[in-house]
Amino acid sequence: MSDRQLPAECDDGVAAVQSWRRLWWLPCELTLELPVSHFTVGELLRLQPGSIVATAWSPSREIPLEANGELIGWTEFEAVGEHRAARITELL
């Protein structure tokens, strides 16, 4: 995609997106954080691939989405085949 092309999903906010166009190449780290209450170091040390950890987050609540440590929106988890995906529900 060249600097002059915008993704089709950006049609609604073209002016805002174009102002960021020069920065599209910069890497960023997206983070979804779920609180886990009453978790111990012992439980942490026993984690293995396939372990399931119960979270304090209600399935009906949205999950904060951060980019480089800054809140940028909200997501929700959904099943996609055998995988879990995060669907963005709101961008700030």
PDB file of N, CA and C in Angstrom:
ATOM      1  N   MET A   1       0.840  -1.166   0.000  1.00  0.00           N
ATOM      2  CA  MET A   1       0.000   0.000   0.000  1.00  0.00           C
ATOM      3  C   MET A   1       0.892   1.238   0.000  1.00  0.00           C
ATOM      4  N   SER A   2       0.685   2.135  -0.901  1.00  0.00           N
ATOM      5  CA  SER A   2       1.488   3.354  -0.968  1.00  0.00           C
ATOM      6  C   SER A   2       0.975   4.367   0.034  1.00  0.00           C
ATOM      7  N   ASP A   3       1.754   5.450   0.262  1.00  0.00           N
ATOM      8  CA  ASP A   3       1.334   6.514   1.161  1.00  0.00           C
ATOM      9  C   ASP A   3       0.050   7.185   0.702  1.00  0.00           C
ATOM     10  N   ARG A   4      -0.271   7.114  -0.574  1.00  0.00           N
ATOM     11  CA  ARG A   4      -1.445   7.803  -1.108  1.00  0.00           C
ATOM     12  C   ARG A   4      -2.715   6.972  -0.998  1.00  0.00           C
ATOM     13  N   GLN A   5      -2.609   5.701  -0.689  1.00  0.00           N
ATOM     14  CA  GLN A   5      -3.785   4.848  -0.572  1.00  0.00           C
ATOM     15  C   GLN A   5      -4.172   4.688   0.889  1.00  0.00           C
ATOM     16  N   LEU A   6      -5.445   4.811   1.166  1.00  0.00           N
ATOM     17  CA  LEU A   6      -5.961   4.559   2.509  1.00  0.00           C
ATOM     18  C   LEU A   6      -6.729   3.251   2.502  1.00  0.00           C
ATOM     19  N   PRO A   7      -6.680   2.517   3.599  1.00  0.00           N
ATOM     20  CA  PRO A   7      -7.478   1.302   3.666  1.00  0.00           C
ATOM     21  C   PRO A   7      -8.959   1.634   3.493  1.00  0.00           C
ATOM     22  N   ALA A   8      -9.713   0.730   2.873  1.00  0.00           N
ATOM     23  CA  ALA A   8     -11.138   0.960   2.605  1.00  0.00           C
ATOM     24  C   ALA A   8     -11.917   1.266   3.880  1.00  0.00           C
ATOM     25  N   GLU A   9     -11.535   0.642   5.000  1.00  0.00           N
ATOM     26  CA  GLU A   9     -12.269   0.858   6.240  1.00  0.00           C
ATOM     27  C   GLU A   9     -12.071   2.249   6.821  1.00  0.00           C
ATOM     28  N   CYS A  10     -11.214   3.058   6.233  1.00  0.00           N
ATOM     29  CA  CYS A  10     -10.937   4.406   6.729  1.00  0.00           C
ATOM     30  C   CYS A  10     -11.787   5.473   6.048  1.00  0.00           C
ATOM     31  N   ASP A  11     -12.700   5.094   5.167  1.00  0.00           N
ATOM     32  CA  ASP A  11     -13.480   6.070   4.412  1.00  0.00           C
ATOM     33  C   ASP A  11     -14.201   7.073   5.293  1.00  0.00           C
ATOM     34  N   ASP A  12     -14.725   6.659   6.440  1.00  0.00           N
ATOM     35  CA  ASP A  12     -15.487   7.563   7.296  1.00  0.00           C
ATOM     36  C   ASP A  12     -14.631   8.641   7.944  1.00  0.00           C
ATOM     37  N   GLY A  13     -13.406   8.334   8.284  1.00  0.00           N
ATOM     38  CA  GLY A  13     -12.559   9.304   8.971  1.00  0.00           C
ATOM     39  C   GLY A  13     -11.327   9.653   8.163  1.00  0.00           C
ATOM     40  N   VAL A  14     -11.493   9.890   6.875  1.00  0.00           N
ATOM     41  CA  VAL A  14     -10.356  10.097   5.980  1.00  0.00           C
ATOM     42  C   VAL A  14      -9.475  11.248   6.437  1.00  0.00           C
ATOM     43  N   ALA A  15     -10.058  12.373   6.808  1.00  0.00           N
ATOM     44  CA  ALA A  15      -9.256  13.536   7.202  1.00  0.00           C
ATOM     45  C   ALA A  15      -8.388  13.207   8.416  1.00  0.00           C
ATOM     46  N   ALA A  16      -8.968  12.564   9.414  1.00  0.00           N
ATOM     47  CA  ALA A  16      -8.204  12.217  10.617  1.00  0.00           C
ATOM     48  C   ALA A  16      -7.112  11.214  10.300  1.00  0.00           C
ATOM     49  N   VAL A  17      -7.425  10.233   9.493  1.00  0.00           N
ATOM     50  CA  VAL A  17      -6.456   9.198   9.153  1.00  0.00           C
ATOM     51  C   VAL A  17      -5.317   9.780   8.322  1.00  0.00           C
ATOM     52  N   GLN A  18      -5.637  10.654   7.388  1.00  0.00           N
ATOM     53  CA  GLN A  18      -4.593  11.238   6.543  1.00  0.00           C
ATOM     54  C   GLN A  18      -3.586  12.036   7.363  1.00  0.00           C
ATOM     55  N   SER A  19      -4.028  12.630   8.467  1.00  0.00           N
ATOM     56  CA  SER A  19      -3.090  13.398   9.291  1.00  0.00           C
ATOM     57  C   SER A  19      -2.049  12.485   9.941  1.00  0.00           C
ATOM     58  N   TRP A  20      -2.356  11.204  10.070  1.00  0.00           N
ATOM     59  CA  TRP A  20      -1.423  10.231  10.651  1.00  0.00           C
ATOM     60  C   TRP A  20      -0.644   9.466   9.596  1.00  0.00           C
ATOM     61  N   ARG A  21      -0.927   9.698   8.335  1.00  0.00           N
ATOM     62  CA  ARG A  21      -0.370   8.904   7.241  1.00  0.00           C
ATOM     63  C   ARG A  21       1.156   8.827   7.279  1.00  0.00           C
ATOM     64  N   ARG A  22       1.825   9.901   7.642  1.00  0.00           N
ATOM     65  CA  ARG A  22       3.302   9.887   7.661  1.00  0.00           C
ATOM     66  C   ARG A  22       3.859   8.947   8.724  1.00  0.00           C
ATOM     67  N   LEU A  23       3.027   8.535   9.673  1.00  0.00           N
ATOM     68  CA  LEU A  23       3.505   7.701  10.789  1.00  0.00           C
ATOM     69  C   LEU A  23       3.098   6.235  10.668  1.00  0.00           C
ATOM     70  N   TRP A  24       2.432   5.858   9.573  1.00  0.00           N
ATOM     71  CA  TRP A  24       1.930   4.494   9.425  1.00  0.00           C
ATOM     72  C   TRP A  24       3.005   3.433   9.566  1.00  0.00           C
ATOM     73  N   TRP A  25       4.223   3.729   9.224  1.00  0.00           N
ATOM     74  CA  TRP A  25       5.289   2.733   9.235  1.00  0.00           C
ATOM     75  C   TRP A  25       5.824   2.474  10.644  1.00  0.00           C
ATOM     76  N   LEU A  26       5.533   3.349  11.616  1.00  0.00           N
ATOM     77  CA  LEU A  26       6.072   3.183  12.971  1.00  0.00           C
ATOM     78  C   LEU A  26       5.483   1.946  13.655  1.00  0.00           C
ATOM     79  N   PRO A  27       6.318   1.130  14.257  1.00  0.00           N
ATOM     80  CA  PRO A  27       5.796  -0.038  14.978  1.00  0.00           C
ATOM     81  C   PRO A  27       5.147   0.399  16.286  1.00  0.00           C
ATOM     82  N   CYS A  28       4.176  -0.347  16.746  1.00  0.00           N
ATOM     83  CA  CYS A  28       3.580  -0.110  18.058  1.00  0.00           C
ATOM     84  C   CYS A  28       3.221  -1.461  18.665  1.00  0.00           C
ATOM     85  N   GLU A  29       3.046  -1.460  19.962  1.00  0.00           N
ATOM     86  CA  GLU A  29       2.709  -2.686  20.665  1.00  0.00           C
ATOM     87  C   GLU A  29       1.286  -2.570  21.195  1.00  0.00           C
ATOM     88  N   LEU A  30       0.398  -3.464  20.746  1.00  0.00           N
ATOM     89  CA  LEU A  30      -0.972  -3.489  21.245  1.00  0.00           C
ATOM     90  C   LEU A  30      -1.048  -4.413  22.443  1.00  0.00           C
ATOM     91  N   THR A  31      -1.784  -3.980  23.458  1.00  0.00           N
ATOM     92  CA  THR A  31      -1.898  -4.748  24.687  1.00  0.00           C
ATOM     93  C   THR A  31      -3.359  -4.842  25.107  1.00  0.00           C
ATOM     94  N   LEU A  32      -3.793  -6.037  25.439  1.00  0.00           N
ATOM     95  CA  LEU A  32      -5.094  -6.280  26.052  1.00  0.00           C
ATOM     96  C   LEU A  32      -4.806  -6.794  27.458  1.00  0.00           C
ATOM     97  N   GLU A  33      -5.317  -6.113  28.458  1.00  0.00           N
ATOM     98  CA  GLU A  33      -5.024  -6.520  29.830  1.00  0.00           C
ATOM     99  C   GLU A  33      -6.276  -6.998  30.534  1.00  0.00           C
ATOM    100  N   LEU A  34      -6.193  -8.194  31.102  1.00  0.00           N
ATOM    101  CA  LEU A  34      -7.278  -8.763  31.893  1.00  0.00           C
ATOM    102  C   LEU A  34      -6.789  -8.969  33.322  1.00  0.00           C
ATOM    103  N   PRO A  35      -7.495  -8.418  34.311  1.00  0.00           N
ATOM    104  CA  PRO A  35      -7.062  -8.617  35.695  1.00  0.00           C
ATOM    105  C   PRO A  35      -7.305 -10.044  36.161  1.00  0.00           C
ATOM    106  N   VAL A  36      -6.369 -10.573  36.910  1.00  0.00           N
ATOM    107  CA  VAL A  36      -6.500 -11.902  37.513  1.00  0.00           C
ATOM    108  C   VAL A  36      -6.340 -11.716  39.014  1.00  0.00           C
ATOM    109  N   SER A  37      -7.448 -11.840  39.736  1.00  0.00           N
ATOM    110  CA  SER A  37      -7.437 -11.613  41.186  1.00  0.00           C
ATOM    111  C   SER A  37      -6.936 -12.844  41.935  1.00  0.00           C
ATOM    112  N   HIS A  38      -6.323 -12.609  43.048  1.00  0.00           N
ATOM    113  CA  HIS A  38      -5.905 -13.663  43.976  1.00  0.00           C
ATOM    114  C   HIS A  38      -5.014 -14.713  43.313  1.00  0.00           C
ATOM    115  N   PHE A  39      -4.150 -14.293  42.410  1.00  0.00           N
ATOM    116  CA  PHE A  39      -3.224 -15.199  41.730  1.00  0.00           C
ATOM    117  C   PHE A  39      -1.932 -15.216  42.534  1.00  0.00           C
ATOM    118  N   THR A  40      -1.358 -16.377  42.742  1.00  0.00           N
ATOM    119  CA  THR A  40      -0.153 -16.480  43.565  1.00  0.00           C
ATOM    120  C   THR A  40       1.071 -16.772  42.693  1.00  0.00           C
ATOM    121  N   VAL A  41       2.232 -16.546  43.278  1.00  0.00           N
ATOM    122  CA  VAL A  41       3.478 -16.870  42.586  1.00  0.00           C
ATOM    123  C   VAL A  41       3.544 -18.368  42.321  1.00  0.00           C
ATOM    124  N   GLY A  42       3.061 -19.160  43.251  1.00  0.00           N
ATOM    125  CA  GLY A  42       3.040 -20.612  43.058  1.00  0.00           C
ATOM    126  C   GLY A  42       2.216 -21.004  41.837  1.00  0.00           C
ATOM    127  N   GLU A  43       1.057 -20.366  41.666  1.00  0.00           N
ATOM    128  CA  GLU A  43       0.221 -20.642  40.492  1.00  0.00           C
ATOM    129  C   GLU A  43       0.931 -20.191  39.216  1.00  0.00           C
ATOM    130  N   LEU A  44       1.613 -19.076  39.297  1.00  0.00           N
ATOM    131  CA  LEU A  44       2.373 -18.582  38.150  1.00  0.00           C
ATOM    132  C   LEU A  44       3.441 -19.582  37.740  1.00  0.00           C
ATOM    133  N   LEU A  45       4.145 -20.133  38.697  1.00  0.00           N
ATOM    134  CA  LEU A  45       5.217 -21.087  38.411  1.00  0.00           C
ATOM    135  C   LEU A  45       4.689 -22.411  37.864  1.00  0.00           C
ATOM    136  N   ARG A  46       3.436 -22.738  38.152  1.00  0.00           N
ATOM    137  CA  ARG A  46       2.846 -23.990  37.654  1.00  0.00           C
ATOM    138  C   ARG A  46       2.204 -23.850  36.271  1.00  0.00           C
ATOM    139  N   LEU A  47       2.170 -22.640  35.707  1.00  0.00           N
ATOM    140  CA  LEU A  47       1.562 -22.453  34.392  1.00  0.00           C
ATOM    141  C   LEU A  47       2.319 -23.231  33.327  1.00  0.00           C
ATOM    142  N   GLN A  48       1.561 -23.844  32.435  1.00  0.00           N
ATOM    143  CA  GLN A  48       2.120 -24.596  31.314  1.00  0.00           C
ATOM    144  C   GLN A  48       1.273 -24.292  30.084  1.00  0.00           C
ATOM    145  N   PRO A  49       1.789 -24.592  28.895  1.00  0.00           N
ATOM    146  CA  PRO A  49       0.943 -24.420  27.706  1.00  0.00           C
ATOM    147  C   PRO A  49      -0.376 -25.173  27.885  1.00  0.00           C
ATOM    148  N   GLY A  50      -1.460 -24.516  27.586  1.00  0.00           N
ATOM    149  CA  GLY A  50      -2.779 -25.122  27.744  1.00  0.00           C
ATOM    150  C   GLY A  50      -3.423 -24.839  29.084  1.00  0.00           C
ATOM    151  N   SER A  51      -2.682 -24.225  30.017  1.00  0.00           N
ATOM    152  CA  SER A  51      -3.275 -23.875  31.309  1.00  0.00           C
ATOM    153  C   SER A  51      -4.406 -22.876  31.099  1.00  0.00           C
ATOM    154  N   ILE A  52      -5.402 -22.965  31.945  1.00  0.00           N
ATOM    155  CA  ILE A  52      -6.513 -22.021  31.920  1.00  0.00           C
ATOM    156  C   ILE A  52      -6.471 -21.212  33.201  1.00  0.00           C
ATOM    157  N   VAL A  53      -6.545 -19.898  33.060  1.00  0.00           N
ATOM    158  CA  VAL A  53      -6.500 -18.996  34.207  1.00  0.00           C
ATOM    159  C   VAL A  53      -7.808 -18.215  34.237  1.00  0.00           C
ATOM    160  N   ALA A  54      -8.525 -18.302  35.346  1.00  0.00           N
ATOM    161  CA  ALA A  54      -9.774 -17.555  35.488  1.00  0.00           C
ATOM    162  C   ALA A  54      -9.454 -16.088  35.739  1.00  0.00           C
ATOM    163  N   THR A  55     -10.173 -15.212  35.054  1.00  0.00           N
ATOM    164  CA  THR A  55      -9.965 -13.776  35.250  1.00  0.00           C
ATOM    165  C   THR A  55     -11.126 -13.173  36.023  1.00  0.00           C
ATOM    166  N   ALA A  56     -10.911 -11.979  36.532  1.00  0.00           N
ATOM    167  CA  ALA A  56     -11.951 -11.250  37.250  1.00  0.00           C
ATOM    168  C   ALA A  56     -12.806 -10.434  36.287  1.00  0.00           C
ATOM    169  N   TRP A  57     -12.542 -10.569  34.997  1.00  0.00           N
ATOM    170  CA  TRP A  57     -13.246  -9.758  33.999  1.00  0.00           C
ATOM    171  C   TRP A  57     -14.506 -10.467  33.552  1.00  0.00           C
ATOM    172  N   SER A  58     -15.615  -9.768  33.610  1.00  0.00           N
ATOM    173  CA  SER A  58     -16.899 -10.327  33.187  1.00  0.00           C
ATOM    174  C   SER A  58     -16.922 -10.472  31.671  1.00  0.00           C
ATOM    175  N   PRO A  59     -17.420 -11.592  31.141  1.00  0.00           N
ATOM    176  CA  PRO A  59     -17.470 -11.770  29.685  1.00  0.00           C
ATOM    177  C   PRO A  59     -18.293 -10.691  28.981  1.00  0.00           C
ATOM    178  N   SER A  60     -19.185 -10.044  29.695  1.00  0.00           N
ATOM    179  CA  SER A  60     -20.021  -9.017  29.069  1.00  0.00           C
ATOM    180  C   SER A  60     -19.350  -7.640  29.055  1.00  0.00           C
ATOM    181  N   ARG A  61     -18.228  -7.487  29.730  1.00  0.00           N
ATOM    182  CA  ARG A  61     -17.528  -6.197  29.762  1.00  0.00           C
ATOM    183  C   ARG A  61     -16.477  -6.141  28.661  1.00  0.00           C
ATOM    184  N   GLU A  62     -16.284  -4.935  28.138  1.00  0.00           N
ATOM    185  CA  GLU A  62     -15.254  -4.757  27.111  1.00  0.00           C
ATOM    186  C   GLU A  62     -13.878  -4.689  27.773  1.00  0.00           C
ATOM    187  N   ILE A  63     -12.856  -5.019  26.991  1.00  0.00           N
ATOM    188  CA  ILE A  63     -11.480  -5.088  27.487  1.00  0.00           C
ATOM    189  C   ILE A  63     -10.715  -3.877  26.961  1.00  0.00           C
ATOM    190  N   PRO A  64      -9.968  -3.174  27.825  1.00  0.00           N
ATOM    191  CA  PRO A  64      -9.213  -2.017  27.349  1.00  0.00           C
ATOM    192  C   PRO A  64      -8.132  -2.425  26.352  1.00  0.00           C
ATOM    193  N   LEU A  65      -7.969  -1.622  25.305  1.00  0.00           N
ATOM    194  CA  LEU A  65      -6.948  -1.822  24.276  1.00  0.00           C
ATOM    195  C   LEU A  65      -5.957  -0.675  24.373  1.00  0.00           C
ATOM    196  N   GLU A  66      -4.692  -1.001  24.534  1.00  0.00           N
ATOM    197  CA  GLU A  66      -3.650   0.014  24.635  1.00  0.00           C
ATOM    198  C   GLU A  66      -2.648  -0.133  23.509  1.00  0.00           C
ATOM    199  N   ALA A  67      -2.119   0.985  23.063  1.00  0.00           N
ATOM    200  CA  ALA A  67      -1.018   1.013  22.096  1.00  0.00           C
ATOM    201  C   ALA A  67       0.126   1.754  22.770  1.00  0.00           C
ATOM    202  N   ASN A  68       1.241   1.065  22.930  1.00  0.00           N
ATOM    203  CA  ASN A  68       2.410   1.625  23.607  1.00  0.00           C
ATOM    204  C   ASN A  68       2.048   2.223  24.961  1.00  0.00           C
ATOM    205  N   GLY A  69       1.170   1.541  25.707  1.00  0.00           N
ATOM    206  CA  GLY A  69       0.823   1.967  27.054  1.00  0.00           C
ATOM    207  C   GLY A  69      -0.273   3.010  27.148  1.00  0.00           C
ATOM    208  N   GLU A  70      -0.817   3.474  26.033  1.00  0.00           N
ATOM    209  CA  GLU A  70      -1.875   4.484  26.033  1.00  0.00           C
ATOM    210  C   GLU A  70      -3.197   3.846  25.629  1.00  0.00           C
ATOM    211  N   LEU A  71      -4.250   4.124  26.387  1.00  0.00           N
ATOM    212  CA  LEU A  71      -5.566   3.593  26.063  1.00  0.00           C
ATOM    213  C   LEU A  71      -6.025   4.182  24.735  1.00  0.00           C
ATOM    214  N   ILE A  72      -6.345   3.302  23.784  1.00  0.00           N
ATOM    215  CA  ILE A  72      -6.796   3.786  22.470  1.00  0.00           C
ATOM    216  C   ILE A  72      -8.188   3.281  22.114  1.00  0.00           C
ATOM    217  N   GLY A  73      -8.741   2.356  22.917  1.00  0.00           N
ATOM    218  CA  GLY A  73     -10.061   1.848  22.595  1.00  0.00           C
ATOM    219  C   GLY A  73     -10.455   0.685  23.472  1.00  0.00           C
ATOM    220  N   TRP A  74     -11.503  -0.003  23.013  1.00  0.00           N
ATOM    221  CA  TRP A  74     -12.072  -1.125  23.760  1.00  0.00           C
ATOM    222  C   TRP A  74     -12.301  -2.285  22.806  1.00  0.00           C
ATOM    223  N   THR A  75     -12.174  -3.500  23.324  1.00  0.00           N
ATOM    224  CA  THR A  75     -12.334  -4.706  22.521  1.00  0.00           C
ATOM    225  C   THR A  75     -13.203  -5.714  23.266  1.00  0.00           C
ATOM    226  N   GLU A  76     -13.582  -6.755  22.554  1.00  0.00           N
ATOM    227  CA  GLU A  76     -14.233  -7.899  23.175  1.00  0.00           C
ATOM    228  C   GLU A  76     -13.668  -9.157  22.536  1.00  0.00           C
ATOM    229  N   PHE A  77     -13.586 -10.229  23.314  1.00  0.00           N
ATOM    230  CA  PHE A  77     -13.087 -11.484  22.774  1.00  0.00           C
ATOM    231  C   PHE A  77     -14.200 -12.222  22.055  1.00  0.00           C
ATOM    232  N   GLU A  78     -13.835 -12.948  21.025  1.00  0.00           N
ATOM    233  CA  GLU A  78     -14.777 -13.832  20.345  1.00  0.00           C
ATOM    234  C   GLU A  78     -14.015 -15.025  19.808  1.00  0.00           C
ATOM    235  N   ALA A  79     -14.750 -16.092  19.569  1.00  0.00           N
ATOM    236  CA  ALA A  79     -14.151 -17.312  19.032  1.00  0.00           C
ATOM    237  C   ALA A  79     -14.128 -17.226  17.512  1.00  0.00           C
ATOM    238  N   VAL A  80     -12.984 -17.577  16.942  1.00  0.00           N
ATOM    239  CA  VAL A  80     -12.828 -17.675  15.493  1.00  0.00           C
ATOM    240  C   VAL A  80     -12.218 -19.046  15.230  1.00  0.00           C
ATOM    241  N   GLY A  81     -13.076 -19.997  14.901  1.00  0.00           N
ATOM    242  CA  GLY A  81     -12.599 -21.374  14.770  1.00  0.00           C
ATOM    243  C   GLY A  81     -12.114 -21.854  16.123  1.00  0.00           C
ATOM    244  N   GLU A  82     -10.883 -22.348  16.166  1.00  0.00           N
ATOM    245  CA  GLU A  82     -10.298 -22.812  17.426  1.00  0.00           C
ATOM    246  C   GLU A  82      -9.490 -21.731  18.119  1.00  0.00           C
ATOM    247  N   HIS A  83      -9.502 -20.528  17.586  1.00  0.00           N
ATOM    248  CA  HIS A  83      -8.716 -19.426  18.135  1.00  0.00           C
ATOM    249  C   HIS A  83      -9.607 -18.409  18.824  1.00  0.00           C
ATOM    250  N   ARG A  84      -9.007 -17.560  19.635  1.00  0.00           N
ATOM    251  CA  ARG A  84      -9.701 -16.430  20.246  1.00  0.00           C
ATOM    252  C   ARG A  84      -9.171 -15.174  19.581  1.00  0.00           C
ATOM    253  N   ALA A  85     -10.077 -14.277  19.275  1.00  0.00           N
ATOM    254  CA  ALA A  85      -9.700 -13.020  18.627  1.00  0.00           C
ATOM    255  C   ALA A  85     -10.268 -11.867  19.442  1.00  0.00           C
ATOM    256  N   ALA A  86      -9.694 -10.705  19.254  1.00  0.00           N
ATOM    257  CA  ALA A  86     -10.195  -9.498  19.896  1.00  0.00           C
ATOM    258  C   ALA A  86     -10.829  -8.626  18.820  1.00  0.00           C
ATOM    259  N   ARG A  87     -12.113  -8.343  18.991  1.00  0.00           N
ATOM    260  CA  ARG A  87     -12.830  -7.473  18.053  1.00  0.00           C
ATOM    261  C   ARG A  87     -12.824  -6.063  18.648  1.00  0.00           C
ATOM    262  N   ILE A  88     -12.356  -5.093  17.882  1.00  0.00           N
ATOM    263  CA  ILE A  88     -12.353  -3.708  18.351  1.00  0.00           C
ATOM    264  C   ILE A  88     -13.787  -3.191  18.291  1.00  0.00           C
ATOM    265  N   THR A  89     -14.284  -2.709  19.436  1.00  0.00           N
ATOM    266  CA  THR A  89     -15.649  -2.204  19.513  1.00  0.00           C
ATOM    267  C   THR A  89     -15.692  -0.682  19.541  1.00  0.00           C
ATOM    268  N   GLU A  90     -14.602  -0.061  19.990  1.00  0.00           N
ATOM    269  CA  GLU A  90     -14.565   1.406  20.042  1.00  0.00           C
ATOM    270  C   GLU A  90     -13.125   1.888  20.005  1.00  0.00           C
ATOM    271  N   LEU A  91     -12.881   2.892  19.207  1.00  0.00           N
ATOM    272  CA  LEU A  91     -11.588   3.569  19.200  1.00  0.00           C
ATOM    273  C   LEU A  91     -11.788   4.975  19.725  1.00  0.00           C
ATOM    274  N   LEU A  92     -10.902   5.390  20.617  1.00  0.00           N
ATOM    275  CA  LEU A  92     -11.031   6.730  21.226  1.00  0.00           C
ATOM    276  C   LEU A  92     -10.405   7.790  20.356  1.00  0.00           C
TER     277      LEU A  92
END
